[in-house]
PDB file of all heavy atoms in Angstrom:
ATOM      1  N   SER A   1     -18.639 -19.595 -29.052  1.00  0.00           N
ATOM      2  CA  SER A   1     -18.757 -19.632 -27.593  1.00  0.00           C
ATOM      3  C   SER A   1     -17.417 -19.251 -26.968  1.00  0.00           C
ATOM      4  O   SER A   1     -16.378 -19.203 -27.639  1.00  0.00           O
ATOM      5  CB  SER A   1     -19.155 -21.031 -27.136  1.00  0.00           C
ATOM      6  OG  SER A   1     -18.098 -21.946 -27.394  1.00  0.00           O
ATOM      7  N   GLY A   2     -17.434 -19.002 -25.647  1.00  0.00           N
ATOM      8  CA  GLY A   2     -16.194 -18.666 -24.955  1.00  0.00           C
ATOM      9  C   GLY A   2     -15.147 -19.758 -25.068  1.00  0.00           C
ATOM     10  O   GLY A   2     -13.964 -19.486 -25.261  1.00  0.00           O
ATOM     11  N   GLY A   3     -15.580 -21.011 -24.946  1.00  0.00           N
ATOM     12  CA  GLY A   3     -14.650 -22.119 -25.077  1.00  0.00           C
ATOM     13  C   GLY A   3     -14.046 -22.212 -26.457  1.00  0.00           C
ATOM     14  O   GLY A   3     -12.850 -22.492 -26.612  1.00  0.00           O
ATOM     15  N   MET A   4     -14.846 -21.971 -27.479  1.00  0.00           N
ATOM     16  CA  MET A   4     -14.336 -22.018 -28.851  1.00  0.00           C
ATOM     17  C   MET A   4     -13.347 -20.881 -29.105  1.00  0.00           C
ATOM     18  O   MET A   4     -12.319 -21.064 -29.772  1.00  0.00           O
ATOM     19  CB  MET A   4     -15.491 -21.945 -29.854  1.00  0.00           C
ATOM     20  CG  MET A   4     -16.263 -23.233 -30.013  1.00  0.00           C
ATOM     21  SD  MET A   4     -17.420 -23.133 -31.391  1.00  0.00           S
ATOM     22  CE  MET A   4     -18.185 -24.734 -31.289  1.00  0.00           C
ATOM     23  N   ARG A   5     -13.666 -19.679 -28.584  1.00  0.00           N
ATOM     24  CA  ARG A   5     -12.739 -18.559 -28.762  1.00  0.00           C
ATOM     25  C   ARG A   5     -11.394 -18.856 -28.099  1.00  0.00           C
ATOM     26  O   ARG A   5     -10.334 -18.532 -28.639  1.00  0.00           O
ATOM     27  CB  ARG A   5     -13.350 -17.278 -28.192  1.00  0.00           C
ATOM     28  CG  ARG A   5     -14.491 -16.727 -29.014  1.00  0.00           C
ATOM     29  CD  ARG A   5     -14.844 -15.305 -28.604  1.00  0.00           C
ATOM     30  NE  ARG A   5     -15.361 -15.227 -27.253  1.00  0.00           N
ATOM     31  CZ  ARG A   5     -16.655 -15.247 -26.942  1.00  0.00           C
ATOM     32  NH1 ARG A   5     -17.566 -15.360 -27.902  1.00  0.00           N
ATOM     33  NH2 ARG A   5     -17.050 -15.151 -25.685  1.00  0.00           N
ATOM     34  N   GLN A   6     -11.439 -19.482 -26.920  1.00  0.00           N
ATOM     35  CA  GLN A   6     -10.192 -19.832 -26.245  1.00  0.00           C
ATOM     36  C   GLN A   6      -9.414 -20.853 -27.066  1.00  0.00           C
ATOM     37  O   GLN A   6      -8.176 -20.783 -27.169  1.00  0.00           O
ATOM     38  CB  GLN A   6     -10.498 -20.379 -24.853  1.00  0.00           C
ATOM     39  CG  GLN A   6      -9.282 -20.511 -23.953  1.00  0.00           C
ATOM     40  CD  GLN A   6      -8.768 -19.174 -23.465  1.00  0.00           C
ATOM     41  OE1 GLN A   6      -8.604 -18.230 -24.237  1.00  0.00           O
ATOM     42  NE2 GLN A   6      -8.489 -19.074 -22.191  1.00  0.00           N
ATOM     43  N   ARG A   7     -10.117 -21.778 -27.692  1.00  0.00           N
ATOM     44  CA  ARG A   7      -9.453 -22.771 -28.537  1.00  0.00           C
ATOM     45  C   ARG A   7      -8.850 -22.116 -29.785  1.00  0.00           C
ATOM     46  O   ARG A   7      -7.781 -22.524 -30.254  1.00  0.00           O
ATOM     47  CB  ARG A   7     -10.443 -23.870 -28.944  1.00  0.00           C
ATOM     48  CG  ARG A   7     -10.802 -24.805 -27.796  1.00  0.00           C
ATOM     49  CD  ARG A   7     -12.017 -25.652 -28.142  1.00  0.00           C
ATOM     50  NE  ARG A   7     -12.412 -26.488 -27.016  1.00  0.00           N
ATOM     51  CZ  ARG A   7     -12.062 -27.770 -26.870  1.00  0.00           C
ATOM     52  NH1 ARG A   7     -11.318 -28.347 -27.793  1.00  0.00           N
ATOM     53  NH2 ARG A   7     -12.449 -28.462 -25.822  1.00  0.00           N
ATOM     54  N   VAL A   8      -9.524 -21.105 -30.307  1.00  0.00           N
ATOM     55  CA  VAL A   8      -8.958 -20.363 -31.440  1.00  0.00           C
ATOM     56  C   VAL A   8      -7.652 -19.698 -31.022  1.00  0.00           C
ATOM     57  O   VAL A   8      -6.660 -19.714 -31.758  1.00  0.00           O
ATOM     58  CB  VAL A   8      -9.960 -19.309 -31.958  1.00  0.00           C
ATOM     59  CG1 VAL A   8      -9.284 -18.371 -32.960  1.00  0.00           C
ATOM     60  CG2 VAL A   8     -11.156 -19.996 -32.620  1.00  0.00           C
ATOM     61  N   MET A   9      -7.635 -19.102 -29.813  1.00  0.00           N
ATOM     62  CA  MET A   9      -6.414 -18.478 -29.317  1.00  0.00           C
ATOM     63  C   MET A   9      -5.290 -19.506 -29.180  1.00  0.00           C
ATOM     64  O   MET A   9      -4.130 -19.225 -29.501  1.00  0.00           O
ATOM     65  CB  MET A   9      -6.672 -17.807 -27.966  1.00  0.00           C
ATOM     66  CG  MET A   9      -7.466 -16.521 -28.051  1.00  0.00           C
ATOM     67  SD  MET A   9      -6.618 -15.229 -28.989  1.00  0.00           S
ATOM     68  CE  MET A   9      -5.089 -15.075 -28.076  1.00  0.00           C
ATOM     69  N   ILE A  10      -5.626 -20.705 -28.716  1.00  0.00           N
ATOM     70  CA  ILE A  10      -4.615 -21.759 -28.604  1.00  0.00           C
ATOM     71  C   ILE A  10      -4.133 -22.170 -29.988  1.00  0.00           C
ATOM     72  O   ILE A  10      -2.929 -22.367 -30.207  1.00  0.00           O
ATOM     73  CB  ILE A  10      -5.176 -22.960 -27.827  1.00  0.00           C
ATOM     74  CG1 ILE A  10      -5.459 -22.571 -26.379  1.00  0.00           C
ATOM     75  CG2 ILE A  10      -4.202 -24.139 -27.871  1.00  0.00           C
ATOM     76  CD1 ILE A  10      -6.129 -23.651 -25.557  1.00  0.00           C
ATOM     77  N   ALA A  11      -5.053 -22.277 -30.945  1.00  0.00           N
ATOM     78  CA  ALA A  11      -4.667 -22.612 -32.316  1.00  0.00           C
ATOM     79  C   ALA A  11      -3.704 -21.575 -32.881  1.00  0.00           C
ATOM     80  O   ALA A  11      -2.710 -21.920 -33.540  1.00  0.00           O
ATOM     81  CB  ALA A  11      -5.914 -22.723 -33.192  1.00  0.00           C
ATOM     82  N   MET A  12      -3.977 -20.288 -32.642  1.00  0.00           N
ATOM     83  CA  MET A  12      -3.081 -19.232 -33.104  1.00  0.00           C
ATOM     84  C   MET A  12      -1.723 -19.343 -32.426  1.00  0.00           C
ATOM     85  O   MET A  12      -0.674 -19.126 -33.044  1.00  0.00           O
ATOM     86  CB  MET A  12      -3.697 -17.855 -32.834  1.00  0.00           C
ATOM     87  CG  MET A  12      -4.949 -17.572 -33.646  1.00  0.00           C
ATOM     88  SD  MET A  12      -5.700 -15.968 -33.247  1.00  0.00           S
ATOM     89  CE  MET A  12      -4.461 -14.849 -33.899  1.00  0.00           C
ATOM     90  N   ALA A  13      -1.733 -19.694 -31.131  1.00  0.00           N
ATOM     91  CA  ALA A  13      -0.492 -19.766 -30.372  1.00  0.00           C
ATOM     92  C   ALA A  13       0.405 -20.917 -30.830  1.00  0.00           C
ATOM     93  O   ALA A  13       1.628 -20.814 -30.770  1.00  0.00           O
ATOM     94  CB  ALA A  13      -0.800 -19.902 -28.882  1.00  0.00           C
ATOM     95  N   ILE A  14      -0.195 -22.020 -31.283  1.00  0.00           N
ATOM     96  CA  ILE A  14       0.606 -23.189 -31.665  1.00  0.00           C
ATOM     97  C   ILE A  14       0.807 -23.298 -33.162  1.00  0.00           C
ATOM     98  O   ILE A  14       1.411 -24.251 -33.637  1.00  0.00           O
ATOM     99  CB  ILE A  14      -0.042 -24.487 -31.148  1.00  0.00           C
ATOM    100  CG1 ILE A  14      -1.377 -24.738 -31.862  1.00  0.00           C
ATOM    101  CG2 ILE A  14      -0.224 -24.440 -29.642  1.00  0.00           C
ATOM    102  CD1 ILE A  14      -1.972 -26.093 -31.566  1.00  0.00           C
ATOM    103  N   ALA A  15       0.326 -22.307 -33.921  1.00  0.00           N
ATOM    104  CA  ALA A  15       0.354 -22.385 -35.382  1.00  0.00           C
ATOM    105  C   ALA A  15       1.765 -22.606 -35.925  1.00  0.00           C
ATOM    106  O   ALA A  15       1.948 -23.255 -36.959  1.00  0.00           O
ATOM    107  CB  ALA A  15      -0.239 -21.113 -35.991  1.00  0.00           C
ATOM    108  N   CYS A  16       2.768 -22.075 -35.241  1.00  0.00           N
ATOM    109  CA  CYS A  16       4.146 -22.169 -35.733  1.00  0.00           C
ATOM    110  C   CYS A  16       5.003 -23.096 -34.881  1.00  0.00           C
ATOM    111  O   CYS A  16       6.243 -22.982 -34.898  1.00  0.00           O
ATOM    112  CB  CYS A  16       4.760 -20.779 -35.794  1.00  0.00           C
ATOM    113  SG  CYS A  16       3.868 -19.630 -36.857  1.00  0.00           S
ATOM    114  N   ASN A  17       4.367 -24.010 -34.144  1.00  0.00           N
ATOM    115  CA  ASN A  17       5.094 -24.958 -33.291  1.00  0.00           C
ATOM    116  C   ASN A  17       6.103 -24.255 -32.385  1.00  0.00           C
ATOM    117  O   ASN A  17       7.320 -24.471 -32.472  1.00  0.00           O
ATOM    118  CB  ASN A  17       5.816 -26.017 -34.137  1.00  0.00           C
ATOM    119  CG  ASN A  17       4.868 -26.864 -34.943  1.00  0.00           C
ATOM    120  OD1 ASN A  17       3.695 -26.979 -34.617  1.00  0.00           O
ATOM    121  ND2 ASN A  17       5.374 -27.454 -36.017  1.00  0.00           N
ATOM    122  N   PRO A  18       5.638 -23.383 -31.485  1.00  0.00           N
ATOM    123  CA  PRO A  18       6.563 -22.586 -30.666  1.00  0.00           C
ATOM    124  C   PRO A  18       7.365 -23.439 -29.698  1.00  0.00           C
ATOM    125  O   PRO A  18       6.931 -24.509 -29.268  1.00  0.00           O
ATOM    126  CB  PRO A  18       5.617 -21.644 -29.911  1.00  0.00           C
ATOM    127  CG  PRO A  18       4.337 -22.420 -29.791  1.00  0.00           C
ATOM    128  CD  PRO A  18       4.225 -23.161 -31.085  1.00  0.00           C
ATOM    129  N   GLU A  19       8.545 -22.947 -29.349  1.00  0.00           N
ATOM    130  CA  GLU A  19       9.371 -23.601 -28.345  1.00  0.00           C
ATOM    131  C   GLU A  19       8.894 -23.244 -26.935  1.00  0.00           C
ATOM    132  O   GLU A  19       9.141 -23.990 -25.992  1.00  0.00           O
ATOM    133  CB  GLU A  19      10.832 -23.192 -28.528  1.00  0.00           C
ATOM    134  CG  GLU A  19      11.416 -23.649 -29.861  1.00  0.00           C
ATOM    135  CD  GLU A  19      12.705 -22.918 -30.195  1.00  0.00           C
ATOM    136  OE1 GLU A  19      13.687 -23.090 -29.431  1.00  0.00           O
ATOM    137  OE2 GLU A  19      12.740 -22.182 -31.195  1.00  0.00           O
ATOM    138  N   LEU A  20       8.241 -22.070 -26.800  1.00  0.00           N
ATOM    139  CA  LEU A  20       7.746 -21.626 -25.505  1.00  0.00           C
ATOM    140  C   LEU A  20       6.345 -21.056 -25.681  1.00  0.00           C
ATOM    141  O   LEU A  20       6.124 -20.215 -26.554  1.00  0.00           O
ATOM    142  CB  LEU A  20       8.660 -20.554 -24.901  1.00  0.00           C
ATOM    143  CG  LEU A  20       8.168 -19.876 -23.610  1.00  0.00           C
ATOM    144  CD1 LEU A  20       8.064 -20.891 -22.470  1.00  0.00           C
ATOM    145  CD2 LEU A  20       9.102 -18.734 -23.214  1.00  0.00           C
ATOM    146  N   LEU A  21       5.424 -21.522 -24.846  1.00  0.00           N
ATOM    147  CA  LEU A  21       4.051 -21.020 -24.842  1.00  0.00           C
ATOM    148  C   LEU A  21       3.791 -20.333 -23.504  1.00  0.00           C
ATOM    149  O   LEU A  21       3.952 -20.937 -22.446  1.00  0.00           O
ATOM    150  CB  LEU A  21       3.064 -22.177 -25.028  1.00  0.00           C
ATOM    151  CG  LEU A  21       1.567 -21.836 -24.931  1.00  0.00           C
ATOM    152  CD1 LEU A  21       1.156 -20.880 -26.043  1.00  0.00           C
ATOM    153  CD2 LEU A  21       0.724 -23.106 -24.982  1.00  0.00           C
ATOM    154  N   ILE A  22       3.418 -19.050 -23.554  1.00  0.00           N
ATOM    155  CA  ILE A  22       3.048 -18.305 -22.351  1.00  0.00           C
ATOM    156  C   ILE A  22       1.530 -18.295 -22.273  1.00  0.00           C
ATOM    157  O   ILE A  22       0.860 -17.758 -23.146  1.00  0.00           O
ATOM    158  CB  ILE A  22       3.596 -16.865 -22.403  1.00  0.00           C
ATOM    159  CG1 ILE A  22       5.125 -16.877 -22.549  1.00  0.00           C
ATOM    160  CG2 ILE A  22       3.186 -16.102 -21.149  1.00  0.00           C
ATOM    161  CD1 ILE A  22       5.727 -15.508 -22.791  1.00  0.00           C
ATOM    162  N   ALA A  23       0.993 -18.910 -21.241  1.00  0.00           N
ATOM    163  CA  ALA A  23      -0.461 -19.035 -21.081  1.00  0.00           C
ATOM    164  C   ALA A  23      -0.895 -18.219 -19.869  1.00  0.00           C
ATOM    165  O   ALA A  23      -0.648 -18.612 -18.726  1.00  0.00           O
ATOM    166  CB  ALA A  23      -0.857 -20.500 -20.915  1.00  0.00           C
ATOM    167  N   ASP A  24      -1.525 -17.067 -20.121  1.00  0.00           N
ATOM    168  CA  ASP A  24      -1.938 -16.162 -19.052  1.00  0.00           C
ATOM    169  C   ASP A  24      -3.405 -16.424 -18.723  1.00  0.00           C
ATOM    170  O   ASP A  24      -4.297 -16.047 -19.475  1.00  0.00           O
ATOM    171  CB  ASP A  24      -1.733 -14.708 -19.498  1.00  0.00           C
ATOM    172  CG  ASP A  24      -1.944 -13.716 -18.360  1.00  0.00           C
ATOM    173  OD1 ASP A  24      -2.265 -14.153 -17.245  1.00  0.00           O
ATOM    174  OD2 ASP A  24      -1.785 -12.503 -18.595  1.00  0.00           O
ATOM    175  N   GLU A  25      -3.640 -17.094 -17.596  1.00  0.00           N
ATOM    176  CA  GLU A  25      -4.996 -17.455 -17.166  1.00  0.00           C
ATOM    177  C   GLU A  25      -5.778 -18.102 -18.316  1.00  0.00           C
ATOM    178  O   GLU A  25      -6.825 -17.612 -18.735  1.00  0.00           O
ATOM    179  CB  GLU A  25      -5.749 -16.214 -16.655  1.00  0.00           C
ATOM    180  CG  GLU A  25      -5.076 -15.494 -15.506  1.00  0.00           C
ATOM    181  CD  GLU A  25      -5.258 -16.188 -14.165  1.00  0.00           C
ATOM    182  OE1 GLU A  25      -5.851 -17.275 -14.140  1.00  0.00           O
ATOM    183  OE2 GLU A  25      -4.789 -15.637 -13.159  1.00  0.00           O
ATOM    184  N   PRO A  26      -5.295 -19.232 -18.851  1.00  0.00           N
ATOM    185  CA  PRO A  26      -5.900 -19.804 -20.057  1.00  0.00           C
ATOM    186  C   PRO A  26      -7.310 -20.337 -19.878  1.00  0.00           C
ATOM    187  O   PRO A  26      -7.995 -20.576 -20.875  1.00  0.00           O
ATOM    188  CB  PRO A  26      -4.930 -20.934 -20.436  1.00  0.00           C
ATOM    189  CG  PRO A  26      -4.297 -21.326 -19.134  1.00  0.00           C
ATOM    190  CD  PRO A  26      -4.161 -20.045 -18.370  1.00  0.00           C
ATOM    191  N   THR A  27      -7.758 -20.532 -18.632  1.00  0.00           N
ATOM    192  CA  THR A  27      -9.108 -21.088 -18.424  1.00  0.00           C
ATOM    193  C   THR A  27     -10.042 -20.108 -17.716  1.00  0.00           C
ATOM    194  O   THR A  27     -11.112 -20.500 -17.260  1.00  0.00           O
ATOM    195  CB  THR A  27      -9.037 -22.391 -17.608  1.00  0.00           C
ATOM    196  OG1 THR A  27      -8.436 -22.119 -16.333  1.00  0.00           O
ATOM    197  CG2 THR A  27      -8.211 -23.444 -18.329  1.00  0.00           C
ATOM    198  N   THR A  28      -9.649 -18.837 -17.643  1.00  0.00           N
ATOM    199  CA  THR A  28     -10.492 -17.840 -16.985  1.00  0.00           C
ATOM    200  C   THR A  28     -11.859 -17.752 -17.661  1.00  0.00           C
ATOM    201  O   THR A  28     -11.960 -17.711 -18.892  1.00  0.00           O
ATOM    202  CB  THR A  28      -9.826 -16.456 -17.023  1.00  0.00           C
ATOM    203  OG1 THR A  28      -8.627 -16.523 -16.241  1.00  0.00           O
ATOM    204  CG2 THR A  28     -10.730 -15.379 -16.442  1.00  0.00           C
ATOM    205  N   ALA A  29     -12.923 -17.723 -16.871  1.00  0.00           N
ATOM    206  CA  ALA A  29     -14.306 -17.525 -17.324  1.00  0.00           C
ATOM    207  C   ALA A  29     -14.852 -18.694 -18.144  1.00  0.00           C
ATOM    208  O   ALA A  29     -15.897 -18.572 -18.769  1.00  0.00           O
ATOM    209  CB  ALA A  29     -14.436 -16.239 -18.127  1.00  0.00           C
ATOM    210  N   LEU A  30     -14.156 -19.835 -18.141  1.00  0.00           N
ATOM    211  CA  LEU A  30     -14.671 -21.012 -18.827  1.00  0.00           C
ATOM    212  C   LEU A  30     -15.314 -21.950 -17.809  1.00  0.00           C
ATOM    213  O   LEU A  30     -14.871 -22.043 -16.673  1.00  0.00           O
ATOM    214  CB  LEU A  30     -13.538 -21.754 -19.548  1.00  0.00           C
ATOM    215  CG  LEU A  30     -12.761 -20.973 -20.607  1.00  0.00           C
ATOM    216  CD1 LEU A  30     -11.689 -21.866 -21.220  1.00  0.00           C
ATOM    217  CD2 LEU A  30     -13.681 -20.438 -21.687  1.00  0.00           C
ATOM    218  N   ASP A  31     -16.377 -22.641 -18.238  1.00  0.00           N
ATOM    219  CA  ASP A  31     -16.981 -23.596 -17.314  1.00  0.00           C
ATOM    220  C   ASP A  31     -16.051 -24.789 -17.123  1.00  0.00           C
ATOM    221  O   ASP A  31     -15.104 -24.999 -17.887  1.00  0.00           O
ATOM    222  CB  ASP A  31     -18.364 -24.035 -17.808  1.00  0.00           C
ATOM    223  CG  ASP A  31     -18.315 -24.822 -19.109  1.00  0.00           C
ATOM    224  OD1 ASP A  31     -17.623 -25.855 -19.149  1.00  0.00           O
ATOM    225  OD2 ASP A  31     -18.967 -24.408 -20.080  1.00  0.00           O
ATOM    226  N   VAL A  32     -16.301 -25.578 -16.075  1.00  0.00           N
ATOM    227  CA  VAL A  32     -15.338 -26.603 -15.664  1.00  0.00           C
ATOM    228  C   VAL A  32     -15.112 -27.659 -16.743  1.00  0.00           C
ATOM    229  O   VAL A  32     -14.004 -28.196 -16.874  1.00  0.00           O
ATOM    230  CB  VAL A  32     -15.786 -27.270 -14.346  1.00  0.00           C
ATOM    231  CG1 VAL A  32     -15.672 -26.290 -13.198  1.00  0.00           C
ATOM    232  CG2 VAL A  32     -17.195 -27.828 -14.445  1.00  0.00           C
ATOM    233  N   THR A  33     -16.140 -27.966 -17.525  1.00  0.00           N
ATOM    234  CA  THR A  33     -15.982 -28.962 -18.590  1.00  0.00           C
ATOM    235  C   THR A  33     -15.024 -28.459 -19.652  1.00  0.00           C
ATOM    236  O   THR A  33     -14.108 -29.185 -20.088  1.00  0.00           O
ATOM    237  CB  THR A  33     -17.345 -29.291 -19.230  1.00  0.00           C
ATOM    238  OG1 THR A  33     -18.227 -29.775 -18.217  1.00  0.00           O
ATOM    239  CG2 THR A  33     -17.184 -30.344 -20.311  1.00  0.00           C
ATOM    240  N   ILE A  34     -15.206 -27.211 -20.081  1.00  0.00           N
ATOM    241  CA  ILE A  34     -14.317 -26.635 -21.090  1.00  0.00           C
ATOM    242  C   ILE A  34     -12.919 -26.446 -20.522  1.00  0.00           C
ATOM    243  O   ILE A  34     -11.922 -26.654 -21.226  1.00  0.00           O
ATOM    244  CB  ILE A  34     -14.881 -25.291 -21.606  1.00  0.00           C
ATOM    245  CG1 ILE A  34     -16.273 -25.498 -22.211  1.00  0.00           C
ATOM    246  CG2 ILE A  34     -13.954 -24.685 -22.641  1.00  0.00           C
ATOM    247  CD1 ILE A  34     -16.298 -26.478 -23.375  1.00  0.00           C
TER     248      ILE A  34
END
């Protein structure tokens, strides 16, 4: 689902414990619950 794909992107982004995370419209096209 769209929410799961967004979570996969977040998982990829935090995989190496980054010092800085750039989140470009991280909730675009997701329903309010997600």
